[in-house]
Amino acid sequence: MPRHVACVMDGNGRWAAQRSLPRTSGHRAAETTVIDVIEAARAAGVEWLSLYAFSTENWSRPSAEVDFLMRLVRRVVRKHSVLLHTRGIRCRFLGVTDPRIPPALARDFADLMTLTSGNRGMTLTVAFDHGGRRDIVEAARSLIRSGVPADAVTEQSFAAHLPYPDTPDVDLVIRTSGEQRISNFMLWQVAYAEWVFPPVLWPDFRGPHFLECLHAYQQRDRRFGGVLPTQNGEPRS
């Protein structure tokens, strides 16, 4: 079982276009998928689940779509906060630094994190206003400010300056809709993740699809750059 699963929630716009609906309809339909995947991950025993909700690049979308997303996310957070808390899920938000985020939404994020901070079940991280490159740059700045000599910098000391340094590396990334891009998502943490690209658009993605992705992961041999030995001890070709 992967300890940490991350999802790039792709395909909302195409889902809406296939139905001759506005893009906002695809975003709205994605709410059901988010809750279904959270429940499926928790039931399967996944300890950490990360969802890519809004990237630093998404600010370039039309302002009407961005405004809709801000309102939608706030409604989803307020609607499901009690459910997440009663499930014992600890909630975090990765990013949330841009002043363009409505103050009311930022307060809702903070309230949910405070409400669930003592939970010891699955940790749900929502990447919102997130960029993997920005996180790495900010970590480098923090490291420099801390006065660590260059020769003393290690992967471990660098990672300690990333947001939420207790977050384990991602084991499995699921990107829906069949697209095969990283899209600046948790670049440090996905260095050795396995990737699965189901052709299902995110609004149609459900718990059984999530379990299929877990099964695909379990069929992989994770070598981390090395080789696996055979039964007689020789490296496998």
Protein backbone atom coordinates (compact mmCIF):
# COMPACT_ATOMS: atom_id res chain seq x y z
CA MET A 1 0.00 0.00 0.00
CA PRO A 2 1.47 3.39 -0.94
CA ARG A 3 1.88 5.58 2.12
CA HIS A 4 1.48 8.86 0.24
CA VAL A 5 -0.75 9.25 -2.83
CA ALA A 6 -1.04 12.51 -4.75
CA CYS A 7 -3.66 13.39 -7.38
CA VAL A 8 -3.43 15.88 -10.22
CA MET A 9 -7.13 16.55 -10.73
CA ASP A 10 -7.17 17.05 -14.50
CA GLY A 11 -10.00 17.12 -17.02
CA ASN A 12 -12.70 19.39 -15.58
CA GLY A 13 -12.71 21.68 -18.62
CA ARG A 14 -12.82 18.83 -21.13
CA TRP A 15 -15.60 17.15 -19.17
CA ALA A 16 -17.67 20.32 -19.48
CA ALA A 17 -16.78 20.83 -23.16
CA GLN A 18 -17.92 17.31 -24.03
CA ARG A 19 -21.33 18.26 -22.64
CA SER A 20 -21.42 21.74 -24.23
CA LEU A 21 -21.31 23.25 -20.75
CA PRO A 22 -19.19 26.12 -19.39
CA ARG A 23 -15.88 25.19 -17.77
CA THR A 24 -17.30 26.14 -14.39
CA SER A 25 -19.72 23.21 -14.64
CA GLY A 26 -16.75 20.85 -14.78
CA HIS A 27 -15.24 22.40 -11.66
CA ARG A 28 -18.57 22.12 -9.87
CA ALA A 29 -18.94 18.46 -10.85
CA ALA A 30 -15.48 17.73 -9.45
CA GLU A 31 -16.67 18.22 -5.87
CA THR A 32 -18.28 14.77 -5.79
CA THR A 33 -15.05 13.19 -7.01
CA VAL A 34 -12.96 14.92 -4.35
CA ILE A 35 -15.08 13.57 -1.51
CA ASP A 36 -15.29 10.10 -3.08
CA VAL A 37 -11.51 9.88 -3.48
CA ILE A 38 -10.90 11.09 0.08
CA GLU A 39 -13.24 8.41 1.41
CA ALA A 40 -11.68 5.72 -0.81
CA ALA A 41 -8.15 6.63 0.24
CA ARG A 42 -9.04 6.64 3.92
CA ALA A 43 -10.85 3.31 3.68
CA ALA A 44 -7.90 1.75 1.81
CA GLY A 45 -5.45 2.74 4.55
CA VAL A 46 -3.59 5.51 2.69
CA GLU A 47 -1.87 7.64 5.34
CA TRP A 48 -1.24 10.78 3.27
CA LEU A 49 -3.34 12.12 0.37
CA SER A 50 -2.41 15.27 -1.55
CA LEU A 51 -4.74 16.95 -4.07
CA TYR A 52 -3.58 19.54 -6.61
CA ALA A 53 -6.40 22.09 -6.58
CA PHE A 54 -4.90 25.37 -7.85
CA SER A 55 -1.40 26.10 -9.12
CA THR A 56 0.61 29.32 -9.19
CA GLU A 57 0.12 29.23 -12.99
CA ASN A 58 -3.68 29.04 -12.70
CA TRP A 59 -3.81 32.75 -11.86
CA SER A 60 -3.38 33.34 -15.61
CA ARG A 61 -6.83 31.86 -16.33
CA PRO A 62 -9.74 34.22 -17.12
CA SER A 63 -10.66 36.24 -14.05
CA ALA A 64 -14.26 35.00 -14.12
CA GLU A 65 -13.08 31.38 -13.87
CA VAL A 66 -10.61 32.20 -11.09
CA ASP A 67 -13.31 34.05 -9.13
CA PHE A 68 -15.64 31.07 -9.54
CA LEU A 69 -12.97 28.68 -8.29
CA MET A 70 -12.36 30.81 -5.21
CA ARG A 71 -16.06 30.81 -4.37
CA LEU A 72 -16.40 27.09 -5.11
CA VAL A 73 -13.45 26.09 -2.96
CA ARG A 74 -14.75 28.17 -0.08
CA ARG A 75 -18.17 26.53 -0.33
CA VAL A 76 -16.63 23.04 -0.45
CA VAL A 77 -14.40 23.73 2.56
CA ARG A 78 -17.27 25.07 4.63
CA LYS A 79 -19.65 22.32 3.53
CA HIS A 80 -17.36 19.37 4.26
CA SER A 81 -15.24 20.58 7.20
CA VAL A 82 -17.32 18.72 9.79
CA LEU A 83 -17.25 15.50 7.72
CA LEU A 84 -13.46 15.66 7.41
CA HIS A 85 -13.10 16.29 11.13
CA THR A 86 -15.41 13.45 12.16
CA ARG A 87 -13.45 11.10 9.88
CA GLY A 88 -10.33 11.94 11.88
CA ILE A 89 -8.62 13.53 8.88
CA ARG A 90 -5.94 16.18 9.45
CA CYS A 91 -6.19 18.90 6.79
CA ARG A 92 -3.39 21.08 5.47
CA PHE A 93 -3.10 23.62 2.66
CA LEU A 94 0.11 23.78 0.67
CA GLY A 95 0.64 27.23 -0.78
CA VAL A 96 -1.95 29.84 0.21
CA THR A 97 0.46 32.77 0.07
CA ASP A 98 -0.81 34.98 -2.76
CA PRO A 99 -2.57 38.16 -1.59
CA ARG A 100 -5.10 37.64 -4.39
CA ILE A 101 -6.67 34.82 -2.36
CA PRO A 102 -9.83 36.28 -0.79
CA PRO A 103 -9.28 36.89 2.95
CA ALA A 104 -12.48 34.99 3.77
CA LEU A 105 -11.16 31.90 1.97
CA ALA A 106 -7.78 32.17 3.70
CA ARG A 107 -9.61 32.31 7.06
CA ASP A 108 -11.62 29.20 6.15
CA PHE A 109 -8.38 27.38 5.32
CA ALA A 110 -6.90 28.41 8.66
CA ASP A 111 -10.05 27.43 10.55
CA LEU A 112 -10.11 23.96 8.98
CA MET A 113 -6.44 23.38 9.75
CA THR A 114 -7.01 24.43 13.36
CA LEU A 115 -10.15 22.29 13.69
CA THR A 116 -8.41 19.14 12.44
CA SER A 117 -4.89 19.73 13.75
CA GLY A 118 -5.27 17.13 16.52
CA ASN A 119 -6.60 14.38 14.25
CA ARG A 120 -4.44 11.31 13.83
CA GLY A 121 -6.06 9.67 10.84
CA MET A 122 -5.14 10.32 7.23
CA THR A 123 -3.44 13.63 6.43
CA LEU A 124 -5.11 15.48 3.55
CA THR A 125 -3.00 18.16 1.90
CA VAL A 126 -4.73 20.46 -0.59
CA ALA A 127 -2.20 22.18 -2.84
CA PHE A 128 -3.72 25.60 -3.44
CA ASP A 129 -1.73 28.45 -4.96
CA HIS A 130 1.06 25.87 -5.09
CA GLY A 131 4.15 25.72 -7.27
CA GLY A 132 6.89 23.15 -6.84
CA ARG A 133 9.59 25.48 -8.16
CA ARG A 134 8.51 28.26 -5.81
CA ASP A 135 8.68 25.90 -2.84
CA ILE A 136 12.24 24.93 -3.76
CA VAL A 137 13.29 28.57 -4.20
CA GLU A 138 11.75 29.52 -0.85
CA ALA A 139 13.49 26.57 0.81
CA ALA A 140 16.83 27.74 -0.61
CA ARG A 141 16.22 31.25 0.70
CA SER A 142 15.34 29.88 4.13
CA LEU A 143 18.46 27.73 4.16
CA ILE A 144 20.65 30.72 3.30
CA ARG A 145 19.02 32.86 5.97
CA SER A 146 19.66 30.13 8.53
CA GLY A 147 23.39 30.46 7.90
CA VAL A 148 24.11 26.84 7.00
CA PRO A 149 27.54 26.62 5.29
CA ALA A 150 27.38 25.49 1.68
CA ASP A 151 29.44 22.36 2.37
CA ALA A 152 27.02 21.39 5.13
CA VAL A 153 23.94 21.41 2.88
CA THR A 154 22.50 17.94 2.34
CA GLU A 155 19.30 16.65 0.82
CA GLN A 156 17.99 16.15 4.35
CA SER A 157 18.86 19.65 5.57
CA PHE A 158 17.40 21.19 2.42
CA ALA A 159 14.16 19.21 2.72
CA ALA A 160 13.80 20.44 6.30
CA HIS A 161 13.19 23.94 4.91
CA LEU A 162 10.38 22.89 2.57
CA PRO A 163 6.76 23.48 3.63
CA TYR A 164 5.56 20.71 5.96
CA PRO A 165 8.92 18.91 6.14
CA ASP A 166 7.28 16.00 7.96
CA THR A 167 5.45 15.07 4.74
CA PRO A 168 6.85 11.80 3.36
CA ASP A 169 7.90 11.52 -0.27
CA VAL A 170 5.06 10.75 -2.66
CA ASP A 171 4.82 7.06 -3.56
CA LEU A 172 2.11 7.28 -6.22
CA VAL A 173 0.88 10.14 -8.40
CA ILE A 174 -2.45 9.77 -10.18
CA ARG A 175 -3.08 12.19 -13.03
CA THR A 176 -6.53 11.83 -14.52
CA SER A 177 -7.62 12.50 -18.13
CA GLY A 178 -4.62 10.68 -19.64
CA GLU A 179 -2.36 13.75 -19.76
CA GLN A 180 1.26 13.01 -18.84
CA ARG A 181 2.81 16.12 -17.30
CA ILE A 182 4.19 17.00 -13.86
CA SER A 183 2.78 20.55 -14.02
CA ASN A 184 5.07 21.95 -11.32
CA PHE A 185 3.50 19.73 -8.64
CA MET A 186 5.48 18.90 -5.48
CA LEU A 187 8.66 18.62 -7.53
CA TRP A 188 10.92 17.64 -4.65
CA GLN A 189 8.51 15.12 -3.15
CA VAL A 190 7.69 13.24 -6.39
CA ALA A 191 11.31 12.54 -7.32
CA TYR A 192 10.83 8.76 -7.16
CA ALA A 193 7.06 8.46 -7.31
CA GLU A 194 5.30 5.96 -9.51
CA TRP A 195 2.86 7.57 -11.96
CA VAL A 196 -0.48 6.29 -13.22
CA PHE A 197 -2.41 8.10 -15.97
CA PRO A 198 -6.00 6.85 -16.08
CA PRO A 199 -7.89 8.15 -19.16
CA VAL A 200 -10.89 9.07 -16.99
CA LEU A 201 -11.66 12.78 -16.65
CA TRP A 202 -11.58 13.93 -13.04
CA PRO A 203 -15.36 14.57 -12.64
CA ASP A 204 -15.97 10.92 -13.67
CA PHE A 205 -13.20 9.50 -11.47
CA ARG A 206 -14.54 7.50 -8.51
CA GLY A 207 -13.43 5.25 -5.68
CA PRO A 208 -13.16 2.10 -7.83
CA HIS A 209 -10.87 3.96 -10.26
CA PHE A 210 -8.72 5.03 -7.30
CA LEU A 211 -8.44 1.43 -6.13
CA GLU A 212 -7.44 0.36 -9.64
CA CYS A 213 -4.58 2.86 -9.48
CA LEU A 214 -3.49 1.46 -6.12
CA HIS A 215 -3.52 -2.03 -7.65
CA ALA A 216 -1.39 -0.81 -10.59
CA TYR A 217 1.10 0.63 -8.10
CA GLN A 218 1.28 -2.67 -6.25
CA GLN A 219 2.36 -4.42 -9.46
CA ARG A 220 5.39 -2.15 -9.88
CA ASP A 221 8.96 -2.95 -8.77
CA ARG A 222 10.29 0.19 -7.06
CA ARG A 223 14.05 0.21 -7.60
CA PHE A 224 14.98 3.82 -6.72
CA GLY A 225 17.76 3.75 -9.30
CA GLY A 226 19.08 0.34 -8.26
CA VAL A 227 18.27 -3.21 -9.26
CA LEU A 228 16.29 -5.90 -7.50
CA PRO A 229 18.01 -9.22 -6.71
CA THR A 230 16.70 -12.52 -8.03
CA GLN A 231 16.17 -15.52 -5.81
CA ASN A 232 19.82 -16.56 -6.20
CA GLY A 233 21.00 -13.08 -5.25
CA GLU A 234 22.00 -11.95 -8.74
CA PRO A 235 20.73 -8.56 -10.00
CA ARG A 236 17.58 -8.77 -12.05
CA SER A 237 17.95 -7.68 -15.68
